[in-house]
Amino acid sequence: MRTPDWTLGVLFGGVSRRMGQDKSRLKVGRTTLLEYVISRCRKPNQPAILGIGQRGRFVPETLAQLPQVIDRIESAGPLAGIEALIVATTTPWLIVVPCDMPGLKAETLDELIPDGDEEFDFCAFKTPERVQILPMALRSAWAKKELPRLLDSGSRRILDLMKLGQGHHKPWQNSEDGQSVFHNINTQSDFESFVNSNDQL
């Protein structure tokens, strides 16, 4: 069996202030939003890591077998969660996804991994509207070196990490609408719109 090129890293350590409750536990049919996102983004036998932020975070029983990592620096935002994920990554690449982006799927994430001779430290999609910060593919060797130094300098922004390496912004050329694929569930209204527009739930 071919060794996977990338590990799926899922961030769900945030406090979900705008939602008013833990987004990862929202019910999507018979499952949770976290389980739904992972089921779409993870290929068979794909390594996956859960960035839970701090100890005590609820993890569904169906995902309890996956490695769980905590932030080295508390309250340091998603950058600290990405650092925790990259430290635990053993594949050449880590693809970071948030738990509140249910439009993603594994085939989409595969497009972030370089082909053959392409050389870059990170890759993110670029839609006509903007560069998408997440999902993002990170070259493990580069990110393991840069992330600790960046966090220890006081930075808390993913954009600061992007300034440190050679990046590739992959144009979004999929037939699917980029705005729906990369849409975050931030409010109850967002969640209701997602559920109402998905006939398979």
N, C-alpha and C. Protein backbone atom coordinates (compact mmCIF):
# COMPACT_ATOMS: atom_id res chain seq x y z
N MET A 1 0.84 -1.20 0.00
CA MET A 1 0.00 0.00 0.00
C MET A 1 0.88 1.26 0.00
N ARG A 2 0.56 2.22 -0.86
CA ARG A 2 1.35 3.44 -0.99
C ARG A 2 1.21 4.29 0.27
N THR A 3 2.34 4.81 0.76
CA THR A 3 2.32 5.68 1.93
C THR A 3 1.62 6.99 1.58
N PRO A 4 0.68 7.45 2.42
CA PRO A 4 -0.02 8.70 2.13
C PRO A 4 0.95 9.88 2.08
N ASP A 5 0.67 10.83 1.18
CA ASP A 5 1.48 12.03 1.06
C ASP A 5 1.15 13.05 2.14
N TRP A 6 -0.08 13.00 2.64
CA TRP A 6 -0.50 14.04 3.57
C TRP A 6 -1.36 13.51 4.70
N THR A 7 -1.34 14.27 5.78
CA THR A 7 -2.16 14.01 6.95
C THR A 7 -3.26 15.06 7.02
N LEU A 8 -4.45 14.63 7.38
CA LEU A 8 -5.55 15.56 7.59
C LEU A 8 -5.49 16.08 9.02
N GLY A 9 -5.38 17.39 9.17
CA GLY A 9 -5.38 18.00 10.49
C GLY A 9 -6.62 18.86 10.66
N VAL A 10 -7.43 18.55 11.66
CA VAL A 10 -8.71 19.24 11.85
C VAL A 10 -8.66 20.12 13.09
N LEU A 11 -8.93 21.39 12.88
CA LEU A 11 -8.97 22.36 13.99
C LEU A 11 -10.38 22.47 14.54
N PHE A 12 -10.52 22.24 15.84
CA PHE A 12 -11.82 22.52 16.45
C PHE A 12 -11.67 22.91 17.93
N GLY A 13 -10.63 23.70 18.19
CA GLY A 13 -10.38 24.11 19.56
C GLY A 13 -10.91 25.48 19.90
N GLY A 14 -11.63 26.14 18.96
CA GLY A 14 -12.12 27.48 19.20
C GLY A 14 -13.33 27.52 20.13
N VAL A 15 -13.72 28.72 20.50
CA VAL A 15 -14.82 28.88 21.47
C VAL A 15 -16.16 29.14 20.81
N SER A 16 -16.21 29.33 19.48
CA SER A 16 -17.47 29.48 18.75
C SER A 16 -18.35 30.59 19.32
N ARG A 17 -17.77 31.77 19.50
CA ARG A 17 -18.51 32.87 20.14
C ARG A 17 -19.76 33.26 19.35
N ARG A 18 -19.63 33.39 18.03
CA ARG A 18 -20.77 33.83 17.23
C ARG A 18 -21.88 32.78 17.18
N MET A 19 -21.52 31.51 17.26
CA MET A 19 -22.52 30.45 17.26
C MET A 19 -23.20 30.35 18.62
N GLY A 20 -22.44 30.64 19.68
CA GLY A 20 -23.01 30.55 21.02
C GLY A 20 -23.00 29.14 21.59
N GLN A 21 -22.42 28.20 20.85
CA GLN A 21 -22.27 26.82 21.31
C GLN A 21 -21.15 26.17 20.53
N ASP A 22 -20.73 24.99 20.96
CA ASP A 22 -19.64 24.28 20.30
C ASP A 22 -20.08 23.84 18.91
N LYS A 23 -19.51 24.45 17.87
CA LYS A 23 -19.91 24.13 16.50
C LYS A 23 -19.65 22.67 16.15
N SER A 24 -18.58 22.13 16.66
CA SER A 24 -18.22 20.76 16.29
C SER A 24 -19.27 19.74 16.70
N ARG A 25 -20.13 20.11 17.68
CA ARG A 25 -21.14 19.18 18.19
C ARG A 25 -22.51 19.39 17.57
N LEU A 26 -22.65 20.33 16.64
CA LEU A 26 -23.93 20.54 15.97
C LEU A 26 -24.36 19.26 15.26
N LYS A 27 -25.64 18.96 15.32
CA LYS A 27 -26.13 17.71 14.74
C LYS A 27 -26.39 17.87 13.24
N VAL A 28 -25.75 17.00 12.48
CA VAL A 28 -25.93 16.95 11.03
C VAL A 28 -26.49 15.57 10.73
N GLY A 29 -27.80 15.49 10.59
CA GLY A 29 -28.43 14.19 10.45
C GLY A 29 -28.22 13.39 11.74
N ARG A 30 -27.61 12.21 11.59
CA ARG A 30 -27.37 11.35 12.76
C ARG A 30 -25.95 11.51 13.30
N THR A 31 -25.24 12.47 12.80
CA THR A 31 -23.85 12.65 13.22
C THR A 31 -23.63 14.08 13.67
N THR A 32 -22.39 14.42 13.98
CA THR A 32 -22.05 15.80 14.36
C THR A 32 -21.35 16.49 13.19
N LEU A 33 -21.27 17.80 13.27
CA LEU A 33 -20.58 18.55 12.21
C LEU A 33 -19.13 18.11 12.09
N LEU A 34 -18.46 17.87 13.21
CA LEU A 34 -17.07 17.41 13.17
C LEU A 34 -16.96 16.08 12.44
N GLU A 35 -17.81 15.13 12.78
CA GLU A 35 -17.77 13.83 12.13
C GLU A 35 -18.09 13.94 10.64
N TYR A 36 -19.03 14.81 10.31
CA TYR A 36 -19.41 15.01 8.91
C TYR A 36 -18.25 15.53 8.09
N VAL A 37 -17.57 16.55 8.61
CA VAL A 37 -16.43 17.14 7.89
C VAL A 37 -15.32 16.12 7.70
N ILE A 38 -15.01 15.36 8.75
CA ILE A 38 -13.94 14.36 8.63
C ILE A 38 -14.33 13.26 7.66
N SER A 39 -15.57 12.84 7.66
CA SER A 39 -16.00 11.77 6.75
C SER A 39 -15.86 12.20 5.29
N ARG A 40 -16.00 13.48 5.02
CA ARG A 40 -15.87 13.99 3.65
C ARG A 40 -14.42 14.25 3.27
N CYS A 41 -13.61 14.65 4.23
CA CYS A 41 -12.25 15.08 3.94
C CYS A 41 -11.20 13.98 4.07
N ARG A 42 -11.54 12.91 4.71
CA ARG A 42 -10.55 11.85 4.96
C ARG A 42 -10.74 10.70 4.00
N LYS A 43 -9.68 10.33 3.28
CA LYS A 43 -9.71 9.19 2.40
C LYS A 43 -9.48 7.91 3.21
N PRO A 44 -9.82 6.73 2.64
CA PRO A 44 -9.56 5.48 3.36
C PRO A 44 -8.07 5.37 3.74
N ASN A 45 -7.82 4.99 4.97
CA ASN A 45 -6.46 4.82 5.51
C ASN A 45 -5.67 6.12 5.58
N GLN A 46 -6.35 7.24 5.48
CA GLN A 46 -5.69 8.54 5.56
C GLN A 46 -5.36 8.89 7.01
N PRO A 47 -4.10 9.24 7.32
CA PRO A 47 -3.80 9.69 8.68
C PRO A 47 -4.59 10.96 9.00
N ALA A 48 -5.07 11.05 10.20
CA ALA A 48 -5.82 12.23 10.63
C ALA A 48 -5.50 12.55 12.08
N ILE A 49 -5.46 13.83 12.40
CA ILE A 49 -5.15 14.30 13.75
C ILE A 49 -6.19 15.35 14.13
N LEU A 50 -6.60 15.33 15.38
CA LEU A 50 -7.58 16.30 15.88
C LEU A 50 -6.87 17.35 16.73
N GLY A 51 -7.00 18.60 16.33
CA GLY A 51 -6.45 19.70 17.12
C GLY A 51 -7.51 20.21 18.07
N ILE A 52 -7.49 19.72 19.32
CA ILE A 52 -8.59 19.98 20.25
C ILE A 52 -8.38 21.23 21.09
N GLY A 53 -7.26 21.90 20.94
CA GLY A 53 -7.03 23.12 21.71
C GLY A 53 -6.50 22.83 23.09
N GLN A 54 -7.41 22.49 23.99
CA GLN A 54 -7.04 22.18 25.37
C GLN A 54 -7.66 20.87 25.81
N ARG A 55 -7.12 20.30 26.88
CA ARG A 55 -7.64 19.04 27.40
C ARG A 55 -9.09 19.20 27.84
N GLY A 56 -9.84 18.10 27.73
CA GLY A 56 -11.23 18.12 28.16
C GLY A 56 -12.22 18.39 27.06
N ARG A 57 -11.74 18.65 25.86
CA ARG A 57 -12.64 18.91 24.73
C ARG A 57 -13.41 17.64 24.38
N PHE A 58 -14.70 17.79 24.10
CA PHE A 58 -15.51 16.64 23.73
C PHE A 58 -15.12 16.12 22.36
N VAL A 59 -14.89 14.81 22.27
CA VAL A 59 -14.60 14.14 21.01
C VAL A 59 -15.59 12.99 20.86
N PRO A 60 -16.33 12.93 19.75
CA PRO A 60 -17.28 11.83 19.57
C PRO A 60 -16.60 10.47 19.66
N GLU A 61 -17.34 9.49 20.13
CA GLU A 61 -16.78 8.15 20.31
C GLU A 61 -16.26 7.57 19.00
N THR A 62 -16.90 7.93 17.89
CA THR A 62 -16.48 7.39 16.60
C THR A 62 -15.10 7.90 16.18
N LEU A 63 -14.63 8.99 16.81
CA LEU A 63 -13.33 9.57 16.46
C LEU A 63 -12.30 9.41 17.57
N ALA A 64 -12.67 8.70 18.62
CA ALA A 64 -11.80 8.60 19.80
C ALA A 64 -10.47 7.93 19.50
N GLN A 65 -10.40 7.14 18.42
CA GLN A 65 -9.17 6.44 18.10
C GLN A 65 -8.15 7.34 17.41
N LEU A 66 -8.56 8.51 16.97
CA LEU A 66 -7.64 9.41 16.27
C LEU A 66 -6.75 10.15 17.27
N PRO A 67 -5.51 10.43 16.91
CA PRO A 67 -4.64 11.22 17.79
C PRO A 67 -5.25 12.59 18.07
N GLN A 68 -5.12 13.03 19.32
CA GLN A 68 -5.62 14.34 19.73
C GLN A 68 -4.45 15.15 20.29
N VAL A 69 -4.31 16.38 19.81
CA VAL A 69 -3.19 17.20 20.24
C VAL A 69 -3.71 18.50 20.84
N ILE A 70 -2.99 19.02 21.84
CA ILE A 70 -3.38 20.26 22.50
C ILE A 70 -2.38 21.36 22.16
N ASP A 71 -2.82 22.60 22.30
CA ASP A 71 -1.97 23.74 21.98
C ASP A 71 -0.87 23.90 23.02
N ARG A 72 0.32 24.20 22.57
CA ARG A 72 1.44 24.48 23.48
C ARG A 72 1.23 25.80 24.20
N ILE A 73 0.63 26.77 23.50
CA ILE A 73 0.37 28.08 24.07
C ILE A 73 -1.14 28.30 24.10
N GLU A 74 -1.70 28.50 25.29
CA GLU A 74 -3.14 28.68 25.41
C GLU A 74 -3.59 30.01 24.82
N SER A 75 -4.83 30.01 24.30
CA SER A 75 -5.48 31.22 23.80
C SER A 75 -4.66 31.92 22.72
N ALA A 76 -3.95 31.16 21.91
CA ALA A 76 -3.11 31.72 20.85
C ALA A 76 -3.74 31.53 19.48
N GLY A 77 -5.02 31.17 19.44
CA GLY A 77 -5.73 31.09 18.18
C GLY A 77 -5.36 29.89 17.32
N PRO A 78 -5.81 29.90 16.07
CA PRO A 78 -5.58 28.75 15.19
C PRO A 78 -4.11 28.48 14.89
N LEU A 79 -3.26 29.49 14.97
CA LEU A 79 -1.84 29.26 14.71
C LEU A 79 -1.25 28.26 15.71
N ALA A 80 -1.67 28.36 16.97
CA ALA A 80 -1.20 27.40 17.98
C ALA A 80 -1.75 26.01 17.70
N GLY A 81 -2.98 25.94 17.20
CA GLY A 81 -3.55 24.65 16.85
C GLY A 81 -2.81 24.01 15.69
N ILE A 82 -2.42 24.83 14.72
CA ILE A 82 -1.67 24.30 13.57
C ILE A 82 -0.30 23.81 14.02
N GLU A 83 0.33 24.53 14.95
CA GLU A 83 1.62 24.06 15.47
C GLU A 83 1.47 22.69 16.13
N ALA A 84 0.43 22.52 16.92
CA ALA A 84 0.22 21.23 17.58
C ALA A 84 0.02 20.12 16.56
N LEU A 85 -0.70 20.41 15.49
CA LEU A 85 -0.94 19.42 14.45
C LEU A 85 0.34 19.06 13.72
N ILE A 86 1.15 20.07 13.38
CA ILE A 86 2.35 19.81 12.58
C ILE A 86 3.38 19.01 13.38
N VAL A 87 3.47 19.25 14.67
CA VAL A 87 4.42 18.51 15.50
C VAL A 87 4.10 17.01 15.48
N ALA A 88 2.81 16.68 15.38
CA ALA A 88 2.39 15.27 15.40
C ALA A 88 2.35 14.64 14.02
N THR A 89 2.62 15.42 12.99
CA THR A 89 2.52 14.92 11.61
C THR A 89 3.78 14.14 11.21
N THR A 90 3.58 12.98 10.58
CA THR A 90 4.70 12.14 10.15
C THR A 90 4.78 12.02 8.63
N THR A 91 3.82 12.61 7.92
CA THR A 91 3.83 12.59 6.46
C THR A 91 4.50 13.84 5.91
N PRO A 92 4.88 13.85 4.63
CA PRO A 92 5.55 15.03 4.07
C PRO A 92 4.70 16.30 4.13
N TRP A 93 3.39 16.17 4.09
CA TRP A 93 2.50 17.32 4.07
C TRP A 93 1.40 17.18 5.12
N LEU A 94 0.96 18.32 5.63
CA LEU A 94 -0.21 18.41 6.50
C LEU A 94 -1.21 19.32 5.80
N ILE A 95 -2.45 18.88 5.71
CA ILE A 95 -3.51 19.76 5.21
C ILE A 95 -4.43 20.10 6.37
N VAL A 96 -4.50 21.39 6.66
CA VAL A 96 -5.28 21.88 7.80
C VAL A 96 -6.66 22.31 7.33
N VAL A 97 -7.68 21.80 8.00
CA VAL A 97 -9.05 22.20 7.71
C VAL A 97 -9.74 22.58 9.01
N PRO A 98 -10.67 23.53 8.95
CA PRO A 98 -11.47 23.84 10.13
C PRO A 98 -12.68 22.92 10.21
N CYS A 99 -13.20 22.71 11.40
CA CYS A 99 -14.33 21.79 11.55
C CYS A 99 -15.63 22.38 11.04
N ASP A 100 -15.63 23.66 10.67
CA ASP A 100 -16.87 24.33 10.29
C ASP A 100 -16.97 24.63 8.80
N MET A 101 -16.28 23.83 7.97
CA MET A 101 -16.30 24.02 6.52
C MET A 101 -16.79 22.74 5.85
N PRO A 102 -18.11 22.47 5.92
CA PRO A 102 -18.64 21.18 5.46
C PRO A 102 -18.67 21.00 3.95
N GLY A 103 -18.34 22.03 3.18
CA GLY A 103 -18.32 21.89 1.73
C GLY A 103 -17.07 21.23 1.19
N LEU A 104 -16.06 21.05 2.04
CA LEU A 104 -14.81 20.44 1.60
C LEU A 104 -14.96 18.94 1.41
N LYS A 105 -14.07 18.39 0.58
CA LYS A 105 -14.00 16.93 0.43
C LYS A 105 -12.56 16.55 0.08
N ALA A 106 -12.25 15.26 0.23
CA ALA A 106 -10.88 14.80 0.08
C ALA A 106 -10.33 15.09 -1.32
N GLU A 107 -11.15 14.93 -2.33
CA GLU A 107 -10.68 15.17 -3.69
C GLU A 107 -10.24 16.63 -3.88
N THR A 108 -10.93 17.54 -3.22
CA THR A 108 -10.56 18.95 -3.28
C THR A 108 -9.21 19.18 -2.59
N LEU A 109 -9.04 18.59 -1.42
CA LEU A 109 -7.81 18.76 -0.67
C LEU A 109 -6.61 18.18 -1.41
N ASP A 110 -6.81 17.10 -2.13
CA ASP A 110 -5.72 16.48 -2.91
C ASP A 110 -5.08 17.48 -3.87
N GLU A 111 -5.87 18.42 -4.35
CA GLU A 111 -5.37 19.39 -5.33
C GLU A 111 -4.31 20.32 -4.73
N LEU A 112 -4.23 20.40 -3.41
CA LEU A 112 -3.26 21.28 -2.76
C LEU A 112 -1.86 20.68 -2.70
N ILE A 113 -1.73 19.40 -2.95
CA ILE A 113 -0.44 18.72 -2.86
C ILE A 113 0.29 18.88 -4.20
N PRO A 114 1.57 19.26 -4.18
CA PRO A 114 2.29 19.53 -5.43
C PRO A 114 2.49 18.28 -6.28
N ASP A 115 2.57 18.52 -7.57
CA ASP A 115 2.84 17.45 -8.52
C ASP A 115 4.31 17.46 -8.90
N GLY A 116 4.97 16.34 -8.73
CA GLY A 116 6.32 16.16 -9.24
C GLY A 116 7.31 17.22 -8.83
N ASP A 117 7.69 18.08 -9.78
CA ASP A 117 8.79 19.03 -9.59
C ASP A 117 8.38 20.33 -8.89
N GLU A 118 7.10 20.50 -8.60
CA GLU A 118 6.68 21.74 -7.94
C GLU A 118 7.30 21.84 -6.55
N GLU A 119 7.82 23.00 -6.22
CA GLU A 119 8.47 23.22 -4.93
C GLU A 119 7.87 24.45 -4.24
N PHE A 120 7.20 24.24 -3.14
CA PHE A 120 6.73 25.36 -2.33
C PHE A 120 6.51 24.87 -0.90
N ASP A 121 6.39 25.83 0.02
CA ASP A 121 6.26 25.51 1.45
C ASP A 121 4.82 25.37 1.90
N PHE A 122 3.93 26.05 1.22
CA PHE A 122 2.51 25.95 1.56
C PHE A 122 1.69 26.21 0.30
N CYS A 123 0.45 25.76 0.33
CA CYS A 123 -0.44 25.96 -0.80
C CYS A 123 -1.85 26.23 -0.29
N ALA A 124 -2.51 27.22 -0.88
CA ALA A 124 -3.89 27.55 -0.55
C ALA A 124 -4.64 27.86 -1.83
N PHE A 125 -5.93 27.71 -1.81
CA PHE A 125 -6.74 27.99 -2.99
C PHE A 125 -6.94 29.49 -3.18
N LYS A 126 -7.07 29.91 -4.43
CA LYS A 126 -7.38 31.28 -4.75
C LYS A 126 -8.63 31.32 -5.62
N THR A 127 -9.71 31.90 -5.07
CA THR A 127 -10.94 32.08 -5.82
C THR A 127 -10.89 33.46 -6.48
N PRO A 128 -11.84 33.77 -7.35
CA PRO A 128 -11.86 35.12 -7.93
C PRO A 128 -11.96 36.23 -6.89
N GLU A 129 -12.53 35.89 -5.72
CA GLU A 129 -12.72 36.91 -4.69
C GLU A 129 -11.49 37.12 -3.82
N ARG A 130 -10.76 36.03 -3.49
CA ARG A 130 -9.65 36.17 -2.54
C ARG A 130 -8.85 34.88 -2.45
N VAL A 131 -7.72 34.97 -1.73
CA VAL A 131 -6.98 33.78 -1.35
C VAL A 131 -7.63 33.20 -0.10
N GLN A 132 -7.91 31.89 -0.13
CA GLN A 132 -8.51 31.23 1.02
C GLN A 132 -7.40 30.84 2.01
N ILE A 133 -7.51 31.29 3.24
CA ILE A 133 -6.49 30.95 4.23
C ILE A 133 -6.54 29.46 4.57
N LEU A 134 -7.73 28.94 4.76
CA LEU A 134 -7.94 27.51 5.00
C LEU A 134 -8.98 27.00 4.02
N PRO A 135 -8.81 25.76 3.56
CA PRO A 135 -7.78 24.78 3.92
C PRO A 135 -6.42 25.20 3.38
N MET A 136 -5.37 24.69 4.03
CA MET A 136 -4.02 24.99 3.60
C MET A 136 -3.15 23.74 3.74
N ALA A 137 -2.31 23.51 2.72
CA ALA A 137 -1.32 22.44 2.79
C ALA A 137 0.01 23.03 3.23
N LEU A 138 0.64 22.40 4.20
CA LEU A 138 1.92 22.85 4.73
C LEU A 138 2.96 21.76 4.55
N ARG A 139 4.13 22.15 4.03
CA ARG A 139 5.23 21.19 3.96
C ARG A 139 5.73 20.97 5.38
N SER A 140 5.71 19.74 5.84
CA SER A 140 5.95 19.44 7.26
C SER A 140 7.31 19.94 7.74
N ALA A 141 8.37 19.65 6.98
CA ALA A 141 9.71 20.02 7.43
C ALA A 141 9.84 21.53 7.61
N TRP A 142 9.26 22.29 6.70
CA TRP A 142 9.32 23.75 6.79
C TRP A 142 8.50 24.27 7.96
N ALA A 143 7.27 23.78 8.08
CA ALA A 143 6.37 24.29 9.12
C ALA A 143 6.85 23.92 10.53
N LYS A 144 7.47 22.75 10.68
CA LYS A 144 7.98 22.36 11.99
C LYS A 144 9.11 23.29 12.45
N LYS A 145 9.80 23.88 11.51
CA LYS A 145 10.87 24.81 11.84
C LYS A 145 10.34 26.21 12.12
N GLU A 146 9.39 26.67 11.31
CA GLU A 146 8.95 28.06 11.38
C GLU A 146 7.87 28.33 12.43
N LEU A 147 6.97 27.39 12.63
CA LEU A 147 5.83 27.67 13.51
C LEU A 147 6.22 27.95 14.96
N PRO A 148 7.08 27.14 15.59
CA PRO A 148 7.44 27.45 16.97
C PRO A 148 8.08 28.83 17.13
N ARG A 149 8.96 29.18 16.20
CA ARG A 149 9.62 30.49 16.27
C ARG A 149 8.61 31.62 16.10
N LEU A 150 7.67 31.43 15.21
CA LEU A 150 6.67 32.47 14.97
C LEU A 150 5.78 32.67 16.19
N LEU A 151 5.33 31.59 16.77
CA LEU A 151 4.49 31.69 17.96
C LEU A 151 5.25 32.30 19.14
N ASP A 152 6.48 31.90 19.31
CA ASP A 152 7.29 32.42 20.42
C ASP A 152 7.61 33.91 20.25
N SER A 153 7.51 34.40 19.00
CA SER A 153 7.74 35.82 18.76
C SER A 153 6.52 36.66 19.11
N GLY A 154 5.40 35.99 19.40
CA GLY A 154 4.18 36.69 19.76
C GLY A 154 3.14 36.75 18.66
N SER A 155 3.46 36.27 17.47
CA SER A 155 2.51 36.30 16.37
C SER A 155 1.37 35.31 16.61
N ARG A 156 0.18 35.68 16.16
CA ARG A 156 -0.99 34.82 16.29
C ARG A 156 -1.75 34.70 14.96
N ARG A 157 -1.12 35.14 13.87
CA ARG A 157 -1.83 35.21 12.59
C ARG A 157 -1.27 34.21 11.58
N ILE A 158 -2.15 33.47 10.93
CA ILE A 158 -1.73 32.55 9.88
C ILE A 158 -1.07 33.31 8.73
N LEU A 159 -1.53 34.52 8.49
CA LEU A 159 -0.94 35.33 7.42
C LEU A 159 0.55 35.59 7.67
N ASP A 160 0.94 35.70 8.93
CA ASP A 160 2.35 35.91 9.24
C ASP A 160 3.17 34.68 8.86
N LEU A 161 2.60 33.50 9.04
CA LEU A 161 3.29 32.28 8.63
C LEU A 161 3.47 32.26 7.11
N MET A 162 2.46 32.70 6.40
CA MET A 162 2.51 32.69 4.94
C MET A 162 3.59 33.63 4.40
N LYS A 163 3.93 34.65 5.17
CA LYS A 163 4.97 35.59 4.73
C LYS A 163 6.38 35.00 4.84
N LEU A 164 6.51 33.89 5.58
CA LEU A 164 7.83 33.33 5.84
C LEU A 164 8.29 32.32 4.81
N GLY A 165 7.38 31.82 3.99
CA GLY A 165 7.76 30.75 3.07
C GLY A 165 7.37 31.04 1.64
N GLN A 166 7.75 30.12 0.78
CA GLN A 166 7.39 30.20 -0.63
C GLN A 166 6.03 29.54 -0.80
N GLY A 167 5.04 30.34 -1.13
CA GLY A 167 3.69 29.83 -1.24
C GLY A 167 3.20 29.68 -2.66
N HIS A 168 2.17 28.88 -2.79
CA HIS A 168 1.51 28.71 -4.09
C HIS A 168 0.02 28.90 -3.88
N HIS A 169 -0.57 29.81 -4.65
CA HIS A 169 -2.00 30.06 -4.59
C HIS A 169 -2.64 29.38 -5.79
N LYS A 170 -3.30 28.26 -5.52
CA LYS A 170 -3.84 27.44 -6.61
C LYS A 170 -5.19 28.01 -7.06
N PRO A 171 -5.31 28.40 -8.31
CA PRO A 171 -6.58 28.94 -8.80
C PRO A 171 -7.70 27.92 -8.66
N TRP A 172 -8.84 28.39 -8.18
CA TRP A 172 -10.00 27.51 -8.04
C TRP A 172 -10.65 27.33 -9.40
N GLN A 173 -10.57 26.13 -9.97
CA GLN A 173 -11.09 25.85 -11.31
C GLN A 173 -12.13 24.76 -11.30
N ASN A 174 -12.62 24.42 -10.11
CA ASN A 174 -13.63 23.38 -9.98
C ASN A 174 -14.98 23.90 -10.46
N SER A 175 -15.84 22.99 -10.91
CA SER A 175 -17.18 23.40 -11.36
C SER A 175 -18.06 23.83 -10.19
N GLU A 176 -17.71 23.38 -8.98
CA GLU A 176 -18.48 23.79 -7.81
C GLU A 176 -18.21 25.26 -7.47
N ASP A 177 -19.20 25.90 -6.88
CA ASP A 177 -19.06 27.29 -6.48
C ASP A 177 -18.10 27.38 -5.30
N GLY A 178 -17.02 28.16 -5.48
CA GLY A 178 -16.04 28.28 -4.41
C GLY A 178 -16.61 28.86 -3.14
N GLN A 179 -17.58 29.76 -3.26
CA GLN A 179 -18.15 30.39 -2.07
C GLN A 179 -18.87 29.37 -1.20
N SER A 180 -19.48 28.35 -1.81
CA SER A 180 -20.16 27.33 -1.02
C SER A 180 -19.18 26.31 -0.47
N VAL A 181 -18.15 25.97 -1.25
CA VAL A 181 -17.17 24.99 -0.80
C VAL A 181 -16.39 25.51 0.40
N PHE A 182 -16.00 26.79 0.36
CA PHE A 182 -15.16 27.37 1.40
C PHE A 182 -15.94 28.17 2.44
N HIS A 183 -17.23 27.97 2.49
CA HIS A 183 -18.06 28.74 3.42
C HIS A 183 -17.96 28.17 4.84
N ASN A 184 -17.68 29.04 5.79
CA ASN A 184 -17.63 28.64 7.21
C ASN A 184 -19.01 28.74 7.85
N ILE A 185 -19.28 27.80 8.74
CA ILE A 185 -20.51 27.87 9.55
C ILE A 185 -20.16 28.66 10.81
N ASN A 186 -20.56 29.91 10.85
CA ASN A 186 -20.22 30.77 11.99
C ASN A 186 -21.41 31.10 12.88
N THR A 187 -22.61 31.07 12.32
CA THR A 187 -23.81 31.45 13.07
C THR A 187 -24.88 30.38 12.92
N GLN A 188 -25.91 30.48 13.73
CA GLN A 188 -27.03 29.54 13.62
C GLN A 188 -27.70 29.65 12.25
N SER A 189 -27.76 30.86 11.72
CA SER A 189 -28.34 31.06 10.39
C SER A 189 -27.52 30.35 9.32
N ASP A 190 -26.18 30.43 9.44
CA ASP A 190 -25.31 29.71 8.50
C ASP A 190 -25.61 28.22 8.53
N PHE A 191 -25.74 27.69 9.74
CA PHE A 191 -25.96 26.26 9.90
C PHE A 191 -27.31 25.84 9.33
N GLU A 192 -28.34 26.62 9.60
CA GLU A 192 -29.66 26.29 9.08
C GLU A 192 -29.67 26.33 7.56
N SER A 193 -28.96 27.30 6.96
CA SER A 193 -28.89 27.38 5.50
C SER A 193 -28.19 26.16 4.92
N PHE A 194 -27.12 25.72 5.59
CA PHE A 194 -26.39 24.53 5.13
C PHE A 194 -27.29 23.31 5.19
N VAL A 195 -27.97 23.11 6.29
CA VAL A 195 -28.83 21.93 6.43
C VAL A 195 -29.98 21.96 5.42
N ASN A 196 -30.59 23.12 5.24
CA ASN A 196 -31.73 23.24 4.33
C ASN A 196 -31.35 23.05 2.87
N SER A 197 -30.07 23.33 2.55
CA SER A 197 -29.64 23.20 1.15
C SER A 197 -29.05 21.85 0.82
N ASN A 198 -28.97 20.97 1.82
CA ASN A 198 -28.37 19.65 1.61
C ASN A 198 -29.45 18.57 1.73
N ASP A 199 -29.87 18.07 0.59
CA ASP A 199 -30.98 17.09 0.57
C ASP A 199 -30.55 15.74 1.13
N GLN A 200 -29.24 15.49 1.23
CA GLN A 200 -28.78 14.17 1.66
C GLN A 200 -28.73 14.02 3.17
N LEU A 201 -28.97 15.11 3.91
CA LEU A 201 -28.90 15.04 5.37
C LEU A 201 -30.20 14.50 5.96
